[in-house]
Protein backbone atom coordinates (compact mmCIF):
# COMPACT_ATOMS: atom_id res chain seq x y z
CA UNK A 1 -0.36 -0.16 0.08
CA UNK A 2 2.85 2.52 0.78
CA UNK A 3 4.00 1.42 -2.50
CA UNK A 4 0.57 2.48 -3.84
CA UNK A 5 0.21 6.20 -2.29
CA UNK A 6 3.69 6.77 -3.49
CA UNK A 7 1.89 5.72 -7.09
CA UNK A 8 -0.31 8.37 -6.56
CA UNK A 9 1.41 11.14 -6.26
CA UNK A 10 2.69 11.51 -9.49
CA UNK A 11 -1.05 12.64 -10.39
CA UNK A 12 -0.50 15.71 -7.47
CA UNK A 13 -0.47 17.67 -10.32
CA UNK A 14 -2.61 16.31 -13.22
CA UNK A 15 -6.03 14.36 -11.52
CA UNK A 16 -8.55 17.84 -11.39
CA UNK A 17 -11.02 17.29 -9.87
CA UNK A 18 -10.53 13.67 -9.49
CA UNK A 19 -8.67 12.08 -6.82
CA UNK A 20 -5.20 10.96 -6.66
CA UNK A 21 -5.07 7.05 -6.59
CA UNK A 22 -2.41 4.51 -6.83
CA UNK A 23 -2.52 0.87 -7.42
CA UNK A 24 -0.32 -2.53 -6.90
CA UNK A 25 -1.08 -5.54 -8.12
CA UNK A 26 0.64 -8.46 -6.12
CA UNK A 27 1.17 -12.26 -7.30
CA UNK A 28 2.98 -14.79 -4.79
CA UNK A 29 4.18 -11.73 -3.19
CA UNK A 30 5.84 -9.91 -6.10
CA UNK A 31 4.27 -6.96 -8.07
CA UNK A 32 3.35 -7.93 -11.47
CA UNK A 33 1.56 -4.91 -12.39
CA UNK A 34 0.99 -0.89 -11.12
CA UNK A 35 -0.73 1.93 -12.29
CA UNK A 36 -1.58 5.64 -11.09
CA UNK A 37 -4.53 7.57 -12.05
CA UNK A 38 -2.90 10.77 -14.42
CA UNK A 39 -5.61 12.72 -15.80
CA UNK A 40 -10.38 13.00 -15.66
CA UNK A 41 -11.24 10.92 -18.35
CA UNK A 42 -8.17 8.84 -18.50
CA UNK A 43 -7.77 5.17 -17.70
CA UNK A 44 -8.00 4.66 -13.78
CA UNK A 45 -4.92 3.27 -11.27
CA UNK A 46 -6.77 0.03 -11.57
CA UNK A 47 -6.69 -0.13 -15.34
CA UNK A 48 -3.69 0.10 -15.01
CA UNK A 49 -2.22 -1.76 -12.94
CA UNK A 50 -4.36 -4.44 -14.53
CA UNK A 51 -2.94 -4.14 -17.97
CA UNK A 52 0.58 -3.75 -17.13
CA UNK A 53 -0.24 -7.62 -15.69
CA UNK A 54 -1.45 -9.08 -17.95
CA UNK A 55 -2.96 -12.50 -16.85
CA UNK A 56 -0.83 -12.55 -13.68
CA UNK A 57 -3.88 -10.31 -12.46
CA UNK A 58 -5.96 -14.27 -12.02
CA UNK A 59 -5.82 -14.85 -8.81
CA UNK A 60 -3.80 -11.22 -7.04
CA UNK A 61 -4.10 -9.55 -4.49
CA UNK A 62 -4.75 -5.63 -6.22
CA UNK A 63 -3.96 -2.36 -3.63
CA UNK A 64 -5.60 0.45 -4.00
CA UNK A 65 -5.49 4.02 -2.24
CA UNK A 66 -8.95 4.30 -3.04
CA UNK A 67 -12.51 2.25 -3.09
CA UNK A 68 -12.74 0.82 -7.10
CA UNK A 69 -15.34 2.97 -8.33
CA UNK A 70 -19.11 0.94 -9.35
CA UNK A 71 -20.51 3.54 -11.42
CA UNK A 72 -20.05 4.77 -15.02
CA UNK A 73 -18.65 8.46 -14.71
CA UNK A 74 -16.40 9.75 -17.84
CA UNK A 75 -14.72 5.56 -17.69
CA UNK A 76 -16.09 3.00 -16.52
CA UNK A 77 -16.36 0.77 -13.18
CA UNK A 78 -12.92 -0.10 -11.44
CA UNK A 79 -15.13 -2.62 -9.80
CA UNK A 80 -15.94 -4.53 -12.96
CA UNK A 81 -12.27 -4.42 -14.14
CA UNK A 82 -11.38 -6.06 -10.89
CA UNK A 83 -13.66 -8.76 -11.61
CA UNK A 84 -13.26 -10.06 -14.92
CA UNK A 85 -9.25 -10.13 -14.16
CA UNK A 86 -10.24 -12.48 -11.62
CA UNK A 87 -8.47 -11.00 -8.71
CA UNK A 88 -8.81 -12.79 -5.75
CA UNK A 89 -8.34 -9.93 -3.31
CA UNK A 90 -9.15 -5.94 -3.39
CA UNK A 91 -7.53 -4.10 -0.27
CA UNK A 92 -8.63 -0.56 -0.12
CA UNK A 93 -6.62 1.92 1.77
CA UNK A 94 -10.07 4.08 1.88
CA UNK A 95 -13.65 3.79 1.56
CA UNK A 96 -14.65 6.18 -1.64
CA UNK A 97 -16.14 9.45 -0.02
CA UNK A 98 -18.17 9.99 -3.04
CA UNK A 99 -22.07 9.29 -2.23
CA UNK A 100 -21.96 7.45 -6.33
CA UNK A 101 -19.11 5.18 -4.74
CA UNK A 102 -19.59 4.72 -1.10
CA UNK A 103 -19.10 1.33 -0.21
CA UNK A 104 -20.59 0.34 -2.91
CA UNK A 105 -17.30 -0.50 -5.21
CA UNK A 106 -16.12 -3.06 -2.25
CA UNK A 107 -19.56 -4.38 -1.53
CA UNK A 108 -20.05 -4.87 -5.43
CA UNK A 109 -16.29 -7.31 -5.45
CA UNK A 110 -17.61 -9.10 -2.57
CA UNK A 111 -20.92 -10.09 -4.58
CA UNK A 112 -18.84 -11.15 -6.95
CA UNK A 113 -16.40 -14.17 -5.10
CA UNK A 114 -13.97 -11.59 -4.72
CA UNK A 115 -12.05 -10.92 -1.12
CA UNK A 116 -11.93 -7.35 0.55
CA UNK A 117 -10.55 -5.56 3.16
CA UNK A 118 -10.97 -1.68 4.16
CA UNK A 119 -8.70 0.49 6.27
CA UNK A 120 -5.09 -0.44 5.27
CA UNK A 121 -2.97 2.93 5.92
CA UNK A 122 -5.91 5.29 5.46
CA UNK A 123 -4.42 8.12 7.78
CA UNK A 124 -1.98 8.46 4.75
CA UNK A 125 -4.64 8.46 1.50
CA UNK A 126 -6.84 10.39 3.81
CA UNK A 127 -3.80 13.33 3.46
CA UNK A 128 -2.88 12.52 -0.25
CA UNK A 129 -6.40 13.89 -1.32
CA UNK A 130 -7.70 16.55 1.07
CA UNK A 131 -9.61 18.54 -0.82
CA UNK A 132 -11.30 15.83 -3.33
CA UNK A 133 -12.59 14.59 0.54
CA UNK A 134 -13.83 17.87 1.48
CA UNK A 135 -16.35 18.45 -1.30
CA UNK A 136 -17.57 15.27 -0.61
CA UNK A 137 -18.07 14.76 2.87
CA UNK A 138 -17.95 18.93 3.34
CA UNK A 139 -19.78 20.42 0.02
CA UNK A 140 -16.65 22.87 0.03
CA UNK A 141 -13.13 23.07 -0.40
CA UNK A 142 -10.17 22.48 0.93
CA UNK A 143 -8.82 25.96 2.00
CA UNK A 144 -4.82 26.68 2.25
CA UNK A 145 -3.69 30.06 3.75
CA UNK A 146 -0.19 31.03 2.02
CA UNK A 147 1.35 33.78 3.64
CA UNK A 148 5.05 35.30 3.97
CA UNK A 149 6.33 37.71 7.12
CA UNK A 150 9.31 38.29 9.14
CA UNK A 151 10.56 36.99 12.33
CA UNK A 152 8.42 39.67 14.23
CA UNK A 153 5.02 38.76 11.65
CA UNK A 154 5.12 42.04 9.35
CA UNK A 155 4.28 41.00 6.20
CA UNK A 156 4.91 44.34 4.93
CA UNK A 157 6.11 48.05 5.59
CA UNK A 158 3.95 50.52 7.25
CA UNK A 159 4.03 51.86 3.12
CA UNK A 160 2.55 48.20 2.04
CA UNK A 161 6.27 47.73 0.24
CA UNK A 162 6.42 43.72 1.00
CA UNK A 163 8.36 42.18 -2.09
CA UNK A 164 10.31 40.30 -1.50
CA UNK A 165 10.37 39.24 2.29
CA UNK A 166 11.19 35.87 1.30
CA UNK A 167 13.76 34.63 -1.00
CA UNK A 168 13.88 33.13 -4.47
CA UNK A 169 13.42 29.00 -2.85
CA UNK A 170 10.04 30.10 -0.73
CA UNK A 171 9.28 31.58 -4.33
CA UNK A 172 9.33 28.56 -6.30
CA UNK A 173 8.24 26.29 -3.45
CA UNK A 174 4.74 29.04 -3.13
CA UNK A 175 4.56 27.74 -6.92
CA UNK A 176 4.23 24.64 -6.15
CA UNK A 177 1.48 24.96 -4.37
CA UNK A 178 -0.99 26.58 -6.55
CA UNK A 179 -0.22 24.17 -9.19
CA UNK A 180 -1.26 21.60 -7.29
CA UNK A 181 -4.15 23.43 -6.16
CA UNK A 182 -7.61 23.77 -8.59
CA UNK A 183 -8.35 27.78 -7.99
CA UNK A 184 -6.38 29.90 -6.74
CA UNK A 185 -7.99 33.29 -4.36
CA UNK A 186 -7.19 36.19 -3.78
CA UNK A 187 -9.63 39.38 -2.30
CA UNK A 188 -10.00 42.61 -4.70
CA UNK A 189 -7.61 44.32 -2.57
CA UNK A 190 -4.82 41.91 -2.30
CA UNK A 191 -4.91 43.08 -7.11
CA UNK A 192 -5.37 46.73 -6.55
CA UNK A 193 -2.58 46.34 -4.31
CA UNK A 194 -0.23 44.49 -5.52
CA UNK A 195 -1.40 43.66 -8.84
CA UNK A 196 -0.43 39.75 -8.85
CA UNK A 197 -0.83 37.06 -11.77
CA UNK A 198 -1.27 34.44 -9.64
CA UNK A 199 -0.52 31.87 -12.82
CA UNK A 200 1.81 29.25 -12.08
CA UNK A 201 5.17 29.65 -14.26
CA UNK A 202 7.01 26.11 -13.18
CA UNK A 203 7.51 23.27 -16.50
CA UNK A 204 6.05 20.56 -16.09
CA UNK A 205 9.44 18.70 -16.26
CA UNK A 206 10.16 21.20 -13.41
CA UNK A 207 7.04 19.46 -11.43
CA UNK A 208 7.80 15.51 -12.97
CA UNK A 209 5.51 14.89 -14.98
CA UNK A 210 4.25 14.92 -18.81
CA UNK A 211 2.08 17.14 -20.50
CA UNK A 212 0.52 20.82 -20.21
CA UNK A 213 1.15 22.64 -16.60
CA UNK A 214 -2.68 23.05 -15.80
CA UNK A 215 -3.46 26.69 -14.57
CA UNK A 216 -5.45 26.82 -11.73
CA UNK A 217 -8.96 28.86 -12.12
CA UNK A 218 -8.03 32.32 -10.50
CA UNK A 219 -10.43 33.27 -7.90
CA UNK A 220 -10.87 37.00 -7.63
CA UNK A 221 -13.74 38.51 -4.38
CA UNK A 222 -15.12 41.74 -5.12
CA UNK A 223 -18.44 42.41 -3.60
CA UNK A 224 -18.80 45.90 -5.52
CA UNK A 225 -16.79 45.00 -8.57
CA UNK A 226 -14.21 47.35 -8.30
CA UNK A 227 -11.69 45.41 -10.01
CA UNK A 228 -9.43 47.25 -12.80
CA UNK A 229 -9.67 45.34 -16.45
CA UNK A 230 -6.07 46.38 -16.70
CA UNK A 231 -4.96 44.28 -13.82
CA UNK A 232 -2.11 42.13 -14.08
CA UNK A 233 -4.13 38.50 -13.41
CA UNK A 234 -6.36 39.08 -16.70
CA UNK A 235 -3.33 38.49 -19.19
CA UNK A 236 -2.25 35.35 -17.75
CA UNK A 237 -2.78 32.32 -19.09
CA UNK A 238 -6.19 30.36 -17.35
CA UNK A 239 -9.82 31.11 -16.84
CA UNK A 240 -10.43 33.93 -14.13
CA UNK A 241 -13.63 33.99 -11.71
CA UNK A 242 -14.92 37.44 -9.85
CA UNK A 243 -17.52 36.93 -7.23
CA UNK A 244 -18.97 39.57 -5.92
CA UNK A 245 -22.79 40.75 -4.26
CA UNK A 246 -24.78 41.96 -7.57
CA UNK A 247 -23.73 41.93 -11.18
CA UNK A 248 -26.31 44.93 -11.90
CA UNK A 249 -23.35 47.15 -12.35
CA UNK A 250 -23.26 46.57 -15.69
CA UNK A 251 -20.28 48.41 -17.33
CA UNK A 252 -17.47 47.11 -14.82
CA UNK A 253 -19.36 43.56 -15.42
CA UNK A 254 -19.17 44.04 -19.11
CA UNK A 255 -15.32 45.67 -19.01
CA UNK A 256 -14.26 42.31 -16.48
CA UNK A 257 -15.53 40.40 -18.81
CA UNK A 258 -14.29 42.18 -21.80
CA UNK A 259 -11.16 40.72 -20.76
CA UNK A 260 -12.23 37.37 -20.75
CA UNK A 261 -13.67 36.77 -16.84
CA UNK A 262 -16.26 35.64 -15.57
CA UNK A 263 -18.42 37.52 -13.19
CA UNK A 264 -21.09 35.66 -10.59
CA UNK A 265 -22.76 36.92 -7.89
CA UNK A 266 -22.96 34.97 -4.92
CA UNK A 267 -24.42 35.57 -0.94
CA UNK A 268 -23.75 38.71 0.79
CA UNK A 269 -23.77 40.29 4.10
CA UNK A 270 -23.18 43.55 5.87
CA UNK A 271 -18.99 42.90 6.37
CA UNK A 272 -18.86 41.49 2.59
CA UNK A 273 -19.58 38.41 1.21
CA UNK A 274 -20.53 34.95 2.59
CA UNK A 275 -17.26 32.57 2.84
CA UNK A 276 -19.20 29.78 3.11
CA UNK A 277 -21.32 30.86 0.27
CA UNK A 278 -18.28 31.96 -2.18
CA UNK A 279 -16.61 28.06 -0.87
CA UNK A 280 -19.86 26.25 -1.84
CA UNK A 281 -20.11 27.82 -5.47
CA UNK A 282 -16.68 26.70 -5.64
CA UNK A 283 -17.33 23.01 -4.67
CA UNK A 284 -20.49 23.24 -7.20
CA UNK A 285 -17.24 23.84 -9.45
CA UNK A 286 -15.11 21.16 -9.30
CA UNK A 287 -12.93 22.58 -7.08
CA UNK A 288 -10.93 20.24 -4.60
CA UNK A 289 -8.30 22.33 -2.97
CA UNK A 290 -7.88 26.51 -2.50
CA UNK A 291 -5.23 28.18 -2.63
CA UNK A 292 -5.32 31.45 -0.84
CA UNK A 293 -3.24 34.43 -1.22
CA UNK A 294 -4.28 37.78 0.32
CA UNK A 295 -4.18 40.13 2.07
CA UNK A 296 -4.67 40.26 6.32
CA UNK A 297 -8.23 41.19 5.67
CA UNK A 298 -10.12 37.86 3.63
CA UNK A 299 -6.43 35.52 5.59
CA UNK A 300 -8.30 36.94 8.65
CA UNK A 301 -11.84 36.29 7.79
CA UNK A 302 -11.75 32.59 7.17
CA UNK A 303 -9.61 31.51 9.47
CA UNK A 304 -12.01 33.37 11.87
CA UNK A 305 -14.76 31.80 10.30
CA UNK A 306 -13.48 27.87 10.90
CA UNK A 307 -13.13 28.19 6.83
CA UNK A 308 -8.68 27.47 7.00
CA UNK A 309 -8.25 23.84 6.84
CA UNK A 310 -4.13 24.54 6.55
CA UNK A 311 -2.08 27.21 6.66
CA UNK A 312 1.47 27.61 5.00
CA UNK A 313 3.39 30.11 6.74
CA UNK A 314 6.88 31.26 5.42
CA UNK A 315 9.26 33.25 7.54
CA UNK A 316 12.08 34.87 6.27
CA UNK A 317 15.23 36.12 8.15
CA UNK A 318 14.45 39.74 9.03
CA UNK A 319 12.80 42.16 10.85
CA UNK A 320 10.23 44.63 9.57
CA UNK A 321 9.67 46.82 13.09
CA UNK A 322 6.19 46.51 14.74
CA UNK A 323 5.02 50.29 12.61
CA UNK A 324 4.83 46.86 9.62
CA UNK A 325 1.20 44.77 8.96
CA UNK A 326 0.10 42.65 10.38
CA UNK A 327 -0.20 38.42 9.63
CA UNK A 328 -3.72 38.39 9.91
CA UNK A 329 -6.93 40.51 11.28
CA UNK A 330 -8.61 38.41 14.09
CA UNK A 331 -10.91 40.87 16.17
CA UNK A 332 -12.25 40.79 19.39
CA UNK A 333 -9.44 38.46 20.81
CA UNK A 334 -8.75 40.49 23.98
CA UNK A 335 -7.91 37.72 26.12
CA UNK A 336 -5.90 34.57 25.66
CA UNK A 337 -8.34 31.76 25.70
CA UNK A 338 -9.54 34.03 23.22
CA UNK A 339 -6.22 32.94 21.54
CA UNK A 340 -6.93 30.49 17.83
CA UNK A 341 -4.97 27.45 18.59
CA UNK A 342 -2.94 24.97 15.58
CA UNK A 343 -0.96 22.47 15.43
CA UNK A 344 1.66 22.35 13.81
CA UNK A 345 1.97 19.79 10.65
CA UNK A 346 5.67 20.38 9.20
CA UNK A 347 8.86 22.56 9.49
CA UNK A 348 11.08 22.91 7.16
CA UNK A 349 14.05 25.21 6.48
CA UNK A 350 13.34 26.70 1.90
CA UNK A 351 16.41 28.19 1.35
CA UNK A 352 16.90 30.94 3.57
CA UNK A 353 13.83 30.57 4.92
CA UNK A 354 11.56 28.47 6.92
CA UNK A 355 8.00 27.13 5.98
CA UNK A 356 5.38 26.58 8.45
CA UNK A 357 2.56 24.25 7.91
CA UNK A 358 -0.11 24.35 10.79
CA UNK A 359 -3.82 23.50 11.27
CA UNK A 360 -7.11 23.33 12.93
CA UNK A 361 -5.88 20.33 15.81
CA UNK A 362 -8.13 17.33 15.50
CA UNK A 363 -11.47 17.51 16.24
CA UNK A 364 -12.54 14.51 18.80
């Protein structure tokens, strides 16, 4: 199963909106076939492994990181292919959270006389597909908030000057997070202040796969449709979605649409767009992972609402002083007991900087 999980990671940047899945077929203690899912519409991991195994699949054991599908989607059911190949046993790391499968794949195999088991290295399998699982179980994407700061927790000088706090290696690392995501989200304020492109600028060779690099959907939250049509993100490759409170501002909407943007309205309240409504709207577009690169206000609002599943923080070995801009806007934290508790998931050096991955502690 560890090998199957390793294979699944080959699809880290390409399987959208499908989950990353790997499969290994073993007979008489030897691997006779293996494969992984590369892209939606192409064969699933089990099919690649069965093709590699050929006749040796009969009587073998298949280890797969996600329960084999049992429905006709973009491809035929993998459970049927395993049955037809004569596989004797199927071990799945986890049950598929997709309601169209949700145990039916394993049940179909068992009904055909195939021995089944589920739960081997389940935690590792879930960690491989946080976005797909989140979309299926919570009807919203997995939200990853990225930010960079100095050692004293500042993201910019008081004037707003911030390029560049971190070094080249850290910025290249951010590109990998973007490539992994289905959407990169920001706010209108960041577009105005930094004029970012928010696209992926790494090659397929650098990301270690063949084919074209998929550009994530770039999402701008702009309550009153005040984003300039001259912003650089409209000139970069890929699609742009602008979410607002009301699309009745015809001239501003038309100007953005002329630049190729899609403009849609979502529920709003006095403080701005309803962030839960934003995430539900993205889930409806089969967005699994949202990578957020925004200012203190939007990032803080996601954290305060309990919608930030993961924080990726880059810390530069520098000091910007007490007048510099803070990391997150979190009003209402007046006492120590009000603090936002996090657990550290990963800490490592990236070039001259440090990267911390943290998130809310697991619920009981």
